[in-house]
N, C-alpha and C. Protein backbone atom coordinates (compact mmCIF):
# COMPACT_ATOMS: atom_id res chain seq x y z
N MET A 1 -85.98 30.16 -40.32
CA MET A 1 -85.29 30.25 -41.59
C MET A 1 -85.97 29.40 -42.66
N TRP A 2 -86.50 28.27 -42.29
CA TRP A 2 -87.02 27.31 -43.26
C TRP A 2 -88.44 26.95 -42.88
N PRO A 3 -89.37 27.92 -42.95
CA PRO A 3 -90.68 27.75 -42.34
C PRO A 3 -91.62 26.77 -43.03
N TYR A 4 -91.38 26.43 -44.26
CA TYR A 4 -92.35 25.62 -44.99
C TYR A 4 -91.94 24.16 -45.12
N CYS A 5 -91.01 23.71 -44.30
CA CYS A 5 -90.58 22.33 -44.42
C CYS A 5 -90.19 21.78 -43.07
N ILE A 6 -89.72 20.55 -43.05
CA ILE A 6 -89.36 19.86 -41.82
C ILE A 6 -88.01 20.31 -41.31
N ASP A 7 -87.71 19.97 -40.08
CA ASP A 7 -86.40 20.22 -39.50
C ASP A 7 -85.54 19.00 -39.78
N CYS A 8 -84.69 19.08 -40.79
CA CYS A 8 -83.86 17.93 -41.18
C CYS A 8 -82.91 17.51 -40.07
N ASP A 9 -82.59 18.41 -39.16
CA ASP A 9 -81.64 18.09 -38.11
C ASP A 9 -82.16 17.01 -37.16
N GLN A 10 -83.47 16.79 -37.11
CA GLN A 10 -84.00 15.76 -36.22
C GLN A 10 -83.92 14.38 -36.85
N TYR A 11 -83.53 14.29 -38.10
CA TYR A 11 -83.40 13.01 -38.78
C TYR A 11 -81.94 12.77 -39.12
N THR A 12 -81.58 11.51 -39.30
CA THR A 12 -80.21 11.18 -39.64
C THR A 12 -80.03 11.31 -41.15
N LEU A 13 -79.57 12.47 -41.56
CA LEU A 13 -79.29 12.73 -42.96
C LEU A 13 -77.83 13.13 -43.08
N ARG A 14 -77.22 12.81 -44.17
CA ARG A 14 -75.87 13.29 -44.40
C ARG A 14 -75.92 14.80 -44.45
N GLU A 15 -74.85 15.42 -43.99
CA GLU A 15 -74.82 16.89 -43.92
C GLU A 15 -75.12 17.52 -45.27
N ASN A 16 -74.55 16.98 -46.35
CA ASN A 16 -74.79 17.55 -47.67
C ASN A 16 -76.26 17.46 -48.07
N SER A 17 -76.92 16.35 -47.71
CA SER A 17 -78.34 16.19 -48.03
C SER A 17 -79.17 17.25 -47.33
N SER A 18 -78.86 17.49 -46.07
CA SER A 18 -79.59 18.50 -45.30
C SER A 18 -79.39 19.89 -45.91
N ILE A 19 -78.17 20.20 -46.30
CA ILE A 19 -77.86 21.50 -46.90
C ILE A 19 -78.60 21.65 -48.23
N ILE A 20 -78.58 20.61 -49.04
CA ILE A 20 -79.26 20.66 -50.34
C ILE A 20 -80.75 20.89 -50.15
N MET A 21 -81.38 20.14 -49.22
CA MET A 21 -82.82 20.30 -49.00
C MET A 21 -83.15 21.70 -48.51
N LYS A 22 -82.32 22.24 -47.62
CA LYS A 22 -82.57 23.59 -47.12
C LYS A 22 -82.45 24.61 -48.25
N CYS A 23 -81.48 24.42 -49.13
CA CYS A 23 -81.31 25.35 -50.25
C CYS A 23 -82.50 25.28 -51.22
N ILE A 24 -83.01 24.08 -51.46
CA ILE A 24 -84.14 23.92 -52.38
C ILE A 24 -85.39 24.59 -51.82
N TYR A 25 -85.60 24.46 -50.50
CA TYR A 25 -86.85 24.92 -49.91
C TYR A 25 -86.76 26.24 -49.16
N ASP A 26 -85.58 26.84 -49.05
CA ASP A 26 -85.45 28.12 -48.37
C ASP A 26 -85.83 29.25 -49.33
N ALA A 27 -86.94 29.92 -49.06
CA ALA A 27 -87.44 31.02 -49.89
C ALA A 27 -87.55 30.63 -51.37
N PRO A 28 -88.27 29.55 -51.68
CA PRO A 28 -88.39 29.13 -53.07
C PRO A 28 -89.23 30.12 -53.89
N LYS A 29 -88.90 30.22 -55.15
CA LYS A 29 -89.63 31.09 -56.07
C LYS A 29 -89.94 30.30 -57.34
N ILE A 30 -91.01 30.69 -58.00
CA ILE A 30 -91.35 30.10 -59.28
C ILE A 30 -91.54 31.22 -60.30
N ALA A 31 -91.32 30.88 -61.56
CA ALA A 31 -91.52 31.85 -62.64
C ALA A 31 -92.18 31.11 -63.81
N VAL A 32 -92.92 31.85 -64.59
CA VAL A 32 -93.59 31.29 -65.76
C VAL A 32 -92.84 31.74 -67.00
N ARG A 33 -92.59 30.78 -67.89
CA ARG A 33 -91.93 31.11 -69.15
C ARG A 33 -92.88 30.78 -70.29
N VAL A 34 -93.10 31.74 -71.16
CA VAL A 34 -93.90 31.55 -72.37
C VAL A 34 -92.99 31.89 -73.54
N GLY A 35 -92.65 30.87 -74.32
CA GLY A 35 -91.69 31.09 -75.39
C GLY A 35 -90.35 31.48 -74.80
N ASN A 36 -89.83 32.62 -75.23
CA ASN A 36 -88.55 33.11 -74.70
C ASN A 36 -88.73 34.12 -73.58
N GLU A 37 -89.96 34.45 -73.25
CA GLU A 37 -90.21 35.46 -72.21
C GLU A 37 -90.43 34.79 -70.86
N VAL A 38 -89.66 35.24 -69.85
CA VAL A 38 -89.79 34.75 -68.48
C VAL A 38 -90.39 35.86 -67.64
N PHE A 39 -91.51 35.57 -67.00
CA PHE A 39 -92.19 36.57 -66.18
C PHE A 39 -91.56 36.64 -64.79
N ASN A 40 -91.83 37.72 -64.08
CA ASN A 40 -91.23 37.94 -62.76
C ASN A 40 -91.48 36.76 -61.83
N PRO A 41 -90.43 36.31 -61.12
CA PRO A 41 -90.60 35.23 -60.15
C PRO A 41 -91.50 35.66 -58.99
N THR A 42 -92.21 34.71 -58.44
CA THR A 42 -93.05 34.97 -57.27
C THR A 42 -92.75 33.92 -56.21
N GLU A 43 -92.99 34.26 -54.95
CA GLU A 43 -92.71 33.35 -53.86
C GLU A 43 -93.64 32.15 -53.91
N TYR A 44 -93.10 30.98 -53.64
CA TYR A 44 -93.84 29.72 -53.63
C TYR A 44 -94.15 29.38 -52.18
N LEU A 45 -95.43 29.40 -51.79
CA LEU A 45 -95.81 29.31 -50.39
C LEU A 45 -96.25 27.94 -49.92
N TYR A 46 -96.10 26.91 -50.73
CA TYR A 46 -96.55 25.58 -50.32
C TYR A 46 -95.45 24.84 -49.57
N ARG A 47 -95.85 23.90 -48.71
CA ARG A 47 -94.87 23.18 -47.90
C ARG A 47 -93.95 22.29 -48.73
N VAL A 48 -94.47 21.60 -49.71
CA VAL A 48 -93.63 20.79 -50.58
C VAL A 48 -93.93 21.16 -52.02
N ARG A 49 -92.94 21.02 -52.86
CA ARG A 49 -93.11 21.38 -54.27
C ARG A 49 -93.84 20.27 -55.01
N LYS A 50 -94.81 20.66 -55.80
CA LYS A 50 -95.56 19.69 -56.60
C LYS A 50 -94.64 19.15 -57.69
N GLY A 51 -94.61 17.83 -57.84
CA GLY A 51 -93.80 17.22 -58.88
C GLY A 51 -92.35 17.00 -58.52
N CYS A 52 -91.90 17.50 -57.38
CA CYS A 52 -90.51 17.31 -56.96
C CYS A 52 -90.35 15.87 -56.46
N PRO A 53 -89.32 15.15 -56.91
CA PRO A 53 -89.14 13.76 -56.47
C PRO A 53 -88.97 13.64 -54.95
N ALA A 54 -88.49 14.68 -54.30
CA ALA A 54 -88.30 14.63 -52.84
C ALA A 54 -89.59 14.89 -52.07
N SER A 55 -90.61 15.42 -52.71
CA SER A 55 -91.83 15.82 -52.01
C SER A 55 -92.50 14.70 -51.22
N PRO A 56 -92.67 13.49 -51.77
CA PRO A 56 -93.31 12.44 -50.97
C PRO A 56 -92.51 12.08 -49.71
N ILE A 57 -91.20 12.08 -49.81
CA ILE A 57 -90.36 11.76 -48.65
C ILE A 57 -90.47 12.86 -47.61
N LEU A 58 -90.39 14.11 -48.06
CA LEU A 58 -90.50 15.23 -47.13
C LEU A 58 -91.88 15.27 -46.47
N PHE A 59 -92.92 14.96 -47.24
CA PHE A 59 -94.27 14.90 -46.67
C PHE A 59 -94.33 13.83 -45.57
N ASP A 60 -93.73 12.67 -45.82
CA ASP A 60 -93.72 11.60 -44.81
C ASP A 60 -93.03 12.06 -43.53
N PHE A 61 -91.89 12.72 -43.65
CA PHE A 61 -91.19 13.24 -42.47
C PHE A 61 -92.06 14.25 -41.74
N HIS A 62 -92.65 15.15 -42.49
CA HIS A 62 -93.44 16.23 -41.90
C HIS A 62 -94.70 15.69 -41.20
N ILE A 63 -95.42 14.80 -41.84
CA ILE A 63 -96.70 14.33 -41.32
C ILE A 63 -96.52 13.44 -40.09
N ASN A 64 -95.34 12.86 -39.91
CA ASN A 64 -95.11 12.00 -38.74
C ASN A 64 -95.29 12.73 -37.42
N ASP A 65 -95.16 14.04 -37.41
CA ASP A 65 -95.33 14.83 -36.18
C ASP A 65 -96.78 15.14 -35.86
N ILE A 66 -97.71 14.81 -36.73
CA ILE A 66 -99.10 15.24 -36.56
C ILE A 66 -99.73 14.68 -35.28
N PHE A 67 -99.34 13.49 -34.86
CA PHE A 67 -99.94 12.87 -33.68
C PHE A 67 -99.10 13.07 -32.41
N LYS A 68 -98.04 13.85 -32.51
CA LYS A 68 -97.07 13.99 -31.42
C LYS A 68 -97.69 14.36 -30.08
N ASP A 69 -98.63 15.28 -30.05
CA ASP A 69 -99.19 15.79 -28.80
C ASP A 69 -100.60 15.27 -28.49
N LEU A 70 -101.01 14.20 -29.17
CA LEU A 70 -102.36 13.68 -28.96
C LEU A 70 -102.37 12.57 -27.91
N ARG A 71 -103.46 12.47 -27.18
CA ARG A 71 -103.60 11.49 -26.09
C ARG A 71 -103.78 10.08 -26.63
N GLY A 72 -104.68 9.89 -27.58
CA GLY A 72 -104.91 8.58 -28.17
C GLY A 72 -105.72 7.65 -27.29
N VAL A 73 -105.63 6.37 -27.60
CA VAL A 73 -106.41 5.35 -26.88
C VAL A 73 -105.48 4.28 -26.32
N THR A 74 -105.98 3.61 -25.30
CA THR A 74 -105.27 2.47 -24.73
C THR A 74 -105.67 1.22 -25.49
N VAL A 75 -104.69 0.44 -25.90
CA VAL A 75 -104.94 -0.81 -26.61
C VAL A 75 -104.43 -1.95 -25.73
N PRO A 76 -105.30 -2.91 -25.40
CA PRO A 76 -104.86 -4.03 -24.56
C PRO A 76 -103.63 -4.73 -25.15
N GLY A 77 -102.65 -4.97 -24.30
CA GLY A 77 -101.44 -5.65 -24.75
C GLY A 77 -100.32 -4.72 -25.18
N LEU A 78 -100.63 -3.43 -25.35
CA LEU A 78 -99.60 -2.45 -25.72
C LEU A 78 -99.29 -1.56 -24.53
N THR A 79 -98.06 -1.13 -24.43
CA THR A 79 -97.66 -0.29 -23.30
C THR A 79 -97.87 1.19 -23.55
N SER A 80 -97.90 1.60 -24.80
CA SER A 80 -98.11 3.03 -25.09
C SER A 80 -99.47 3.24 -25.76
N ARG A 81 -99.97 4.44 -25.60
CA ARG A 81 -101.27 4.80 -26.19
C ARG A 81 -101.09 5.01 -27.69
N ILE A 82 -102.14 4.78 -28.46
CA ILE A 82 -102.12 4.95 -29.91
C ILE A 82 -103.00 6.15 -30.27
N PRO A 83 -102.39 7.24 -30.78
CA PRO A 83 -103.16 8.44 -31.08
C PRO A 83 -103.90 8.39 -32.42
N GLY A 84 -103.42 7.56 -33.35
CA GLY A 84 -104.06 7.52 -34.65
C GLY A 84 -103.29 6.64 -35.61
N LEU A 85 -103.78 6.58 -36.83
CA LEU A 85 -103.19 5.76 -37.88
C LEU A 85 -102.91 6.63 -39.10
N LEU A 86 -101.78 6.39 -39.75
CA LEU A 86 -101.43 7.11 -40.97
C LEU A 86 -101.19 6.12 -42.10
N PHE A 87 -101.71 6.45 -43.27
CA PHE A 87 -101.40 5.69 -44.47
C PHE A 87 -101.41 6.67 -45.63
N ALA A 88 -100.26 6.82 -46.30
CA ALA A 88 -100.11 7.78 -47.39
C ALA A 88 -100.53 9.16 -46.90
N ASP A 89 -101.55 9.75 -47.51
CA ASP A 89 -101.99 11.07 -47.05
C ASP A 89 -103.33 11.00 -46.30
N ASP A 90 -103.66 9.82 -45.78
CA ASP A 90 -104.87 9.64 -44.98
C ASP A 90 -104.50 9.51 -43.51
N ALA A 91 -105.35 10.02 -42.65
CA ALA A 91 -105.13 9.94 -41.21
C ALA A 91 -106.43 9.54 -40.52
N VAL A 92 -106.31 8.72 -39.47
CA VAL A 92 -107.44 8.33 -38.64
C VAL A 92 -107.10 8.71 -37.21
N LEU A 93 -107.96 9.50 -36.58
CA LEU A 93 -107.78 9.85 -35.18
C LEU A 93 -108.44 8.80 -34.31
N LEU A 94 -107.79 8.45 -33.21
CA LEU A 94 -108.37 7.51 -32.26
C LEU A 94 -108.58 8.25 -30.94
N ALA A 95 -109.79 8.15 -30.40
CA ALA A 95 -110.12 8.84 -29.15
C ALA A 95 -111.10 7.99 -28.36
N GLU A 96 -111.06 8.15 -27.05
CA GLU A 96 -111.93 7.35 -26.18
C GLU A 96 -113.26 8.04 -25.86
N SER A 97 -113.40 9.30 -26.22
CA SER A 97 -114.65 10.02 -25.98
C SER A 97 -114.78 11.14 -27.01
N SER A 98 -115.97 11.69 -27.10
CA SER A 98 -116.16 12.81 -28.04
C SER A 98 -115.35 14.02 -27.59
N ALA A 99 -115.19 14.20 -26.28
CA ALA A 99 -114.37 15.32 -25.78
C ALA A 99 -112.90 15.13 -26.17
N ASP A 100 -112.40 13.89 -26.06
CA ASP A 100 -111.02 13.60 -26.48
C ASP A 100 -110.85 13.80 -27.98
N LEU A 101 -111.86 13.41 -28.75
CA LEU A 101 -111.81 13.60 -30.20
C LEU A 101 -111.77 15.07 -30.55
N GLN A 102 -112.60 15.89 -29.89
CA GLN A 102 -112.59 17.33 -30.16
C GLN A 102 -111.24 17.94 -29.78
N ALA A 103 -110.68 17.50 -28.65
CA ALA A 103 -109.36 18.00 -28.24
C ALA A 103 -108.30 17.63 -29.28
N ALA A 104 -108.38 16.40 -29.81
CA ALA A 104 -107.44 15.97 -30.85
C ALA A 104 -107.60 16.80 -32.11
N LEU A 105 -108.84 17.06 -32.52
CA LEU A 105 -109.09 17.90 -33.70
C LEU A 105 -108.55 19.31 -33.50
N ASP A 106 -108.74 19.86 -32.31
CA ASP A 106 -108.23 21.20 -32.01
C ASP A 106 -106.70 21.22 -32.08
N THR A 107 -106.07 20.18 -31.54
CA THR A 107 -104.61 20.09 -31.56
C THR A 107 -104.09 19.98 -32.99
N ILE A 108 -104.74 19.17 -33.81
CA ILE A 108 -104.30 19.02 -35.20
C ILE A 108 -104.53 20.30 -35.98
N THR A 109 -105.62 20.99 -35.71
CA THR A 109 -105.87 22.28 -36.37
C THR A 109 -104.75 23.26 -36.02
N GLU A 110 -104.38 23.32 -34.76
CA GLU A 110 -103.29 24.21 -34.34
C GLU A 110 -101.98 23.78 -34.99
N TRP A 111 -101.71 22.48 -35.05
CA TRP A 111 -100.50 21.95 -35.68
C TRP A 111 -100.44 22.35 -37.16
N SER A 112 -101.58 22.23 -37.85
CA SER A 112 -101.59 22.53 -39.28
C SER A 112 -101.49 24.03 -39.57
N ASP A 113 -101.89 24.86 -38.62
CA ASP A 113 -101.78 26.31 -38.80
C ASP A 113 -100.35 26.81 -38.60
N ASN A 114 -99.53 26.00 -37.96
CA ASN A 114 -98.13 26.41 -37.71
C ASN A 114 -97.26 26.03 -38.82
């Protein structure tokens, strides 16, 4: 139903917030207005709306899943493996071999295509 955005149900949001976000992003359309003339609306196919105040927050929720299925590296003193680092819209993949790095790239490519 809501293919271009995150699943709000996995986060603790008030019910009204979840409903509002789904309404904003469910089958969004844009139209161009020149003077008093409004041209036919067209479907908006991007994951987040440019200029929308909610876009950075939604991007943060969405991008957090990017490392979900990656193996990552072992770090001395830590109990879990670290698959990568995120800062704003930058990502760093961590891998212990070139084969692991290629597998991580393939996984992220598949993730981004979905």
